[in-house]
Amino acid sequence: MRPRRGSRRGRTQGRVNVDLRQGVLREPDARAARLNISRQAVIKTRLGWALDQERVGKPRTKKAGKPRSRALCRHRKPRPHFG
């Protein structure tokens, strides 16, 4: 049996209806249009990000700079370099 669309095994879901002003929805609507995704996806992502931030106590950001070398990853075997 296939799970319903949008559900995840082992996770319960709840529904929330929130009334927001048009001004508050401008940014999520613009982002959703730019990324070609739904407004709901944008709001859920931002809410999750904010909750993670609060839980950890610091902003979640991408690390800047060069990506780590594969040689530094101990769980991977180094790949031969051709070139």
N, C-alpha and C. Protein backbone atom coordinates (compact mmCIF):
# COMPACT_ATOMS: atom_id res chain seq x y z
N MET A 1 0.84 -1.18 0.00
CA MET A 1 0.00 0.00 0.00
C MET A 1 0.89 1.24 0.00
N ARG A 2 0.62 2.14 -0.90
CA ARG A 2 1.41 3.36 -1.01
C ARG A 2 0.91 4.41 -0.03
N PRO A 3 1.84 5.14 0.62
CA PRO A 3 1.39 6.21 1.51
C PRO A 3 0.76 7.33 0.71
N ARG A 4 -0.09 8.09 1.39
CA ARG A 4 -0.73 9.23 0.75
C ARG A 4 0.32 10.24 0.32
N ARG A 5 -0.03 11.01 -0.68
CA ARG A 5 0.87 12.06 -1.13
C ARG A 5 1.11 13.05 0.00
N GLY A 6 2.39 13.36 0.25
CA GLY A 6 2.72 14.35 1.26
C GLY A 6 2.89 13.77 2.66
N SER A 7 2.68 12.49 2.83
CA SER A 7 2.85 11.92 4.17
C SER A 7 4.17 11.17 4.24
N ARG A 8 4.68 11.03 5.40
CA ARG A 8 5.92 10.30 5.62
C ARG A 8 5.68 9.23 6.65
N ARG A 9 6.26 8.09 6.41
CA ARG A 9 6.10 6.99 7.36
C ARG A 9 6.68 7.36 8.71
N GLY A 10 5.98 7.03 9.75
CA GLY A 10 6.48 7.26 11.10
C GLY A 10 6.32 8.68 11.59
N ARG A 11 5.74 9.53 10.81
CA ARG A 11 5.55 10.92 11.23
C ARG A 11 4.07 11.25 11.20
N THR A 12 3.61 11.80 12.28
CA THR A 12 2.22 12.24 12.30
C THR A 12 2.15 13.66 11.79
N GLN A 13 1.04 13.99 11.18
CA GLN A 13 0.86 15.32 10.64
C GLN A 13 -0.29 16.01 11.31
N GLY A 14 -0.21 17.30 11.37
CA GLY A 14 -1.30 18.12 11.86
C GLY A 14 -1.55 19.24 10.87
N ARG A 15 -2.71 19.78 10.91
CA ARG A 15 -3.05 20.88 10.01
C ARG A 15 -3.15 22.17 10.81
N VAL A 16 -2.69 23.24 10.18
CA VAL A 16 -2.74 24.56 10.80
C VAL A 16 -3.26 25.54 9.76
N ASN A 17 -4.23 26.30 10.13
CA ASN A 17 -4.72 27.39 9.28
C ASN A 17 -4.27 28.70 9.90
N VAL A 18 -3.59 29.50 9.12
CA VAL A 18 -3.06 30.77 9.62
C VAL A 18 -3.52 31.88 8.69
N ASP A 19 -4.04 32.94 9.26
CA ASP A 19 -4.44 34.11 8.48
C ASP A 19 -3.28 35.10 8.49
N LEU A 20 -2.82 35.46 7.28
CA LEU A 20 -1.71 36.39 7.14
C LEU A 20 -2.12 37.53 6.22
N ARG A 21 -1.56 38.70 6.47
CA ARG A 21 -1.83 39.85 5.61
C ARG A 21 -1.12 39.68 4.27
N GLN A 22 -1.63 40.35 3.26
CA GLN A 22 -1.03 40.28 1.93
C GLN A 22 0.43 40.72 1.94
N GLY A 23 0.75 41.73 2.74
CA GLY A 23 2.12 42.21 2.81
C GLY A 23 3.09 41.15 3.30
N VAL A 24 2.63 40.30 4.21
CA VAL A 24 3.48 39.24 4.75
C VAL A 24 3.70 38.15 3.70
N LEU A 25 2.75 37.99 2.80
CA LEU A 25 2.83 36.92 1.80
C LEU A 25 3.58 37.32 0.53
N ARG A 26 3.94 38.57 0.39
CA ARG A 26 4.63 39.01 -0.83
C ARG A 26 5.96 38.28 -1.02
N GLU A 27 6.76 38.22 0.03
CA GLU A 27 8.08 37.59 -0.08
C GLU A 27 7.96 36.09 -0.37
N PRO A 28 7.14 35.32 0.38
CA PRO A 28 7.01 33.90 0.03
C PRO A 28 6.44 33.67 -1.36
N ASP A 29 5.50 34.51 -1.80
CA ASP A 29 4.94 34.37 -3.14
C ASP A 29 6.00 34.63 -4.21
N ALA A 30 6.82 35.66 -4.01
CA ALA A 30 7.87 35.97 -4.97
C ALA A 30 8.90 34.84 -5.03
N ARG A 31 9.27 34.32 -3.87
CA ARG A 31 10.24 33.23 -3.82
C ARG A 31 9.68 31.97 -4.48
N ALA A 32 8.41 31.68 -4.20
CA ALA A 32 7.77 30.50 -4.78
C ALA A 32 7.71 30.62 -6.30
N ALA A 33 7.38 31.81 -6.81
CA ALA A 33 7.32 32.01 -8.25
C ALA A 33 8.71 31.87 -8.87
N ARG A 34 9.72 32.42 -8.20
CA ARG A 34 11.09 32.37 -8.72
C ARG A 34 11.60 30.93 -8.77
N LEU A 35 11.26 30.12 -7.76
CA LEU A 35 11.73 28.74 -7.69
C LEU A 35 10.77 27.74 -8.33
N ASN A 36 9.63 28.24 -8.77
CA ASN A 36 8.59 27.40 -9.38
C ASN A 36 8.14 26.29 -8.42
N ILE A 37 7.87 26.67 -7.18
CA ILE A 37 7.35 25.75 -6.18
C ILE A 37 6.13 26.40 -5.52
N SER A 38 5.45 25.66 -4.68
CA SER A 38 4.24 26.21 -4.05
C SER A 38 4.59 27.15 -2.89
N ARG A 39 3.64 28.01 -2.59
CA ARG A 39 3.78 28.91 -1.45
C ARG A 39 3.92 28.09 -0.17
N GLN A 40 3.18 27.00 -0.08
CA GLN A 40 3.22 26.15 1.11
C GLN A 40 4.62 25.58 1.32
N ALA A 41 5.27 25.16 0.24
CA ALA A 41 6.63 24.62 0.35
C ALA A 41 7.59 25.67 0.89
N VAL A 42 7.44 26.91 0.43
CA VAL A 42 8.30 27.99 0.90
C VAL A 42 8.07 28.24 2.38
N ILE A 43 6.82 28.31 2.78
CA ILE A 43 6.49 28.59 4.19
C ILE A 43 6.98 27.46 5.09
N LYS A 44 6.77 26.21 4.68
CA LYS A 44 7.22 25.08 5.49
C LYS A 44 8.74 25.06 5.64
N THR A 45 9.44 25.38 4.55
CA THR A 45 10.90 25.40 4.60
C THR A 45 11.40 26.49 5.53
N ARG A 46 10.83 27.70 5.40
CA ARG A 46 11.25 28.81 6.24
C ARG A 46 10.93 28.56 7.71
N LEU A 47 9.77 27.97 7.97
CA LEU A 47 9.39 27.66 9.34
C LEU A 47 10.34 26.63 9.94
N GLY A 48 10.66 25.59 9.18
CA GLY A 48 11.62 24.59 9.65
C GLY A 48 12.98 25.20 9.93
N TRP A 49 13.41 26.09 9.04
CA TRP A 49 14.70 26.77 9.22
C TRP A 49 14.70 27.60 10.49
N ALA A 50 13.61 28.34 10.73
CA ALA A 50 13.52 29.18 11.92
C ALA A 50 13.50 28.34 13.19
N LEU A 51 12.79 27.22 13.17
CA LEU A 51 12.75 26.35 14.34
C LEU A 51 14.11 25.72 14.61
N ASP A 52 14.83 25.34 13.56
CA ASP A 52 16.19 24.81 13.74
C ASP A 52 17.10 25.87 14.34
N GLN A 53 16.96 27.09 13.85
CA GLN A 53 17.77 28.20 14.36
C GLN A 53 17.53 28.40 15.85
N GLU A 54 16.28 28.37 16.25
CA GLU A 54 15.92 28.57 17.65
C GLU A 54 16.43 27.42 18.51
N ARG A 55 16.32 26.22 17.99
CA ARG A 55 16.73 25.03 18.74
C ARG A 55 18.23 25.03 18.99
N VAL A 56 19.00 25.38 17.99
CA VAL A 56 20.45 25.36 18.10
C VAL A 56 20.97 26.63 18.74
N GLY A 57 20.28 27.73 18.53
CA GLY A 57 20.69 28.99 19.12
C GLY A 57 21.58 29.82 18.23
N LYS A 58 21.78 29.37 17.00
CA LYS A 58 22.56 30.15 16.06
C LYS A 58 22.02 29.89 14.66
N PRO A 59 22.27 30.82 13.74
CA PRO A 59 21.73 30.66 12.39
C PRO A 59 22.35 29.48 11.67
N ARG A 60 21.53 28.84 10.85
CA ARG A 60 22.02 27.75 10.02
C ARG A 60 22.44 28.36 8.69
N THR A 61 23.74 28.32 8.40
CA THR A 61 24.25 28.89 7.17
C THR A 61 25.13 27.89 6.46
N LYS A 62 25.30 28.10 5.19
CA LYS A 62 26.22 27.26 4.42
C LYS A 62 27.63 27.72 4.72
N LYS A 63 28.54 26.78 4.79
CA LYS A 63 29.93 27.13 5.04
C LYS A 63 30.54 27.69 3.77
N ALA A 64 31.23 28.80 3.92
CA ALA A 64 31.88 29.43 2.78
C ALA A 64 33.27 28.85 2.60
N GLY A 65 33.82 29.08 1.45
CA GLY A 65 35.18 28.64 1.20
C GLY A 65 35.22 27.42 0.30
N LYS A 66 36.41 26.84 0.22
CA LYS A 66 36.60 25.70 -0.67
C LYS A 66 35.91 24.46 -0.08
N PRO A 67 35.40 23.59 -0.94
CA PRO A 67 34.84 22.34 -0.45
C PRO A 67 35.94 21.46 0.12
N ARG A 68 35.58 20.61 1.05
CA ARG A 68 36.57 19.73 1.66
C ARG A 68 37.09 18.74 0.64
N SER A 69 38.34 18.44 0.74
CA SER A 69 38.95 17.47 -0.14
C SER A 69 38.45 16.07 0.21
N ARG A 70 38.33 15.25 -0.81
CA ARG A 70 37.91 13.86 -0.55
C ARG A 70 38.94 13.13 0.29
N ALA A 71 40.19 13.56 0.22
CA ALA A 71 41.25 12.91 0.99
C ALA A 71 41.03 13.10 2.49
N LEU A 72 40.31 14.16 2.89
CA LEU A 72 40.06 14.40 4.30
C LEU A 72 38.94 13.54 4.86
N CYS A 73 38.14 12.97 3.97
CA CYS A 73 37.03 12.13 4.42
C CYS A 73 37.54 10.73 4.71
N ARG A 74 37.56 10.34 5.95
CA ARG A 74 38.13 9.05 6.34
C ARG A 74 37.26 7.87 5.95
N HIS A 75 35.97 8.09 5.78
CA HIS A 75 35.09 6.98 5.47
C HIS A 75 35.07 6.64 3.98
N ARG A 76 35.72 7.44 3.15
CA ARG A 76 35.77 7.18 1.72
C ARG A 76 37.18 6.81 1.29
N LYS A 77 37.24 5.93 0.32
CA LYS A 77 38.54 5.61 -0.26
C LYS A 77 38.88 6.72 -1.24
N PRO A 78 40.13 7.14 -1.29
CA PRO A 78 40.50 8.19 -2.23
C PRO A 78 40.35 7.70 -3.66
N ARG A 79 39.83 8.57 -4.52
CA ARG A 79 39.69 8.23 -5.93
C ARG A 79 40.97 8.58 -6.67
N PRO A 80 41.31 7.77 -7.66
CA PRO A 80 42.51 8.12 -8.44
C PRO A 80 42.24 9.39 -9.24
N HIS A 81 43.27 10.20 -9.39
CA HIS A 81 43.14 11.46 -10.10
C HIS A 81 43.76 11.31 -11.48
N PHE A 82 42.96 11.51 -12.52
CA PHE A 82 43.44 11.44 -13.89
C PHE A 82 43.39 12.84 -14.47
N GLY A 83 44.49 13.35 -14.90
CA GLY A 83 44.45 14.66 -15.53
C GLY A 83 45.63 15.42 -15.34
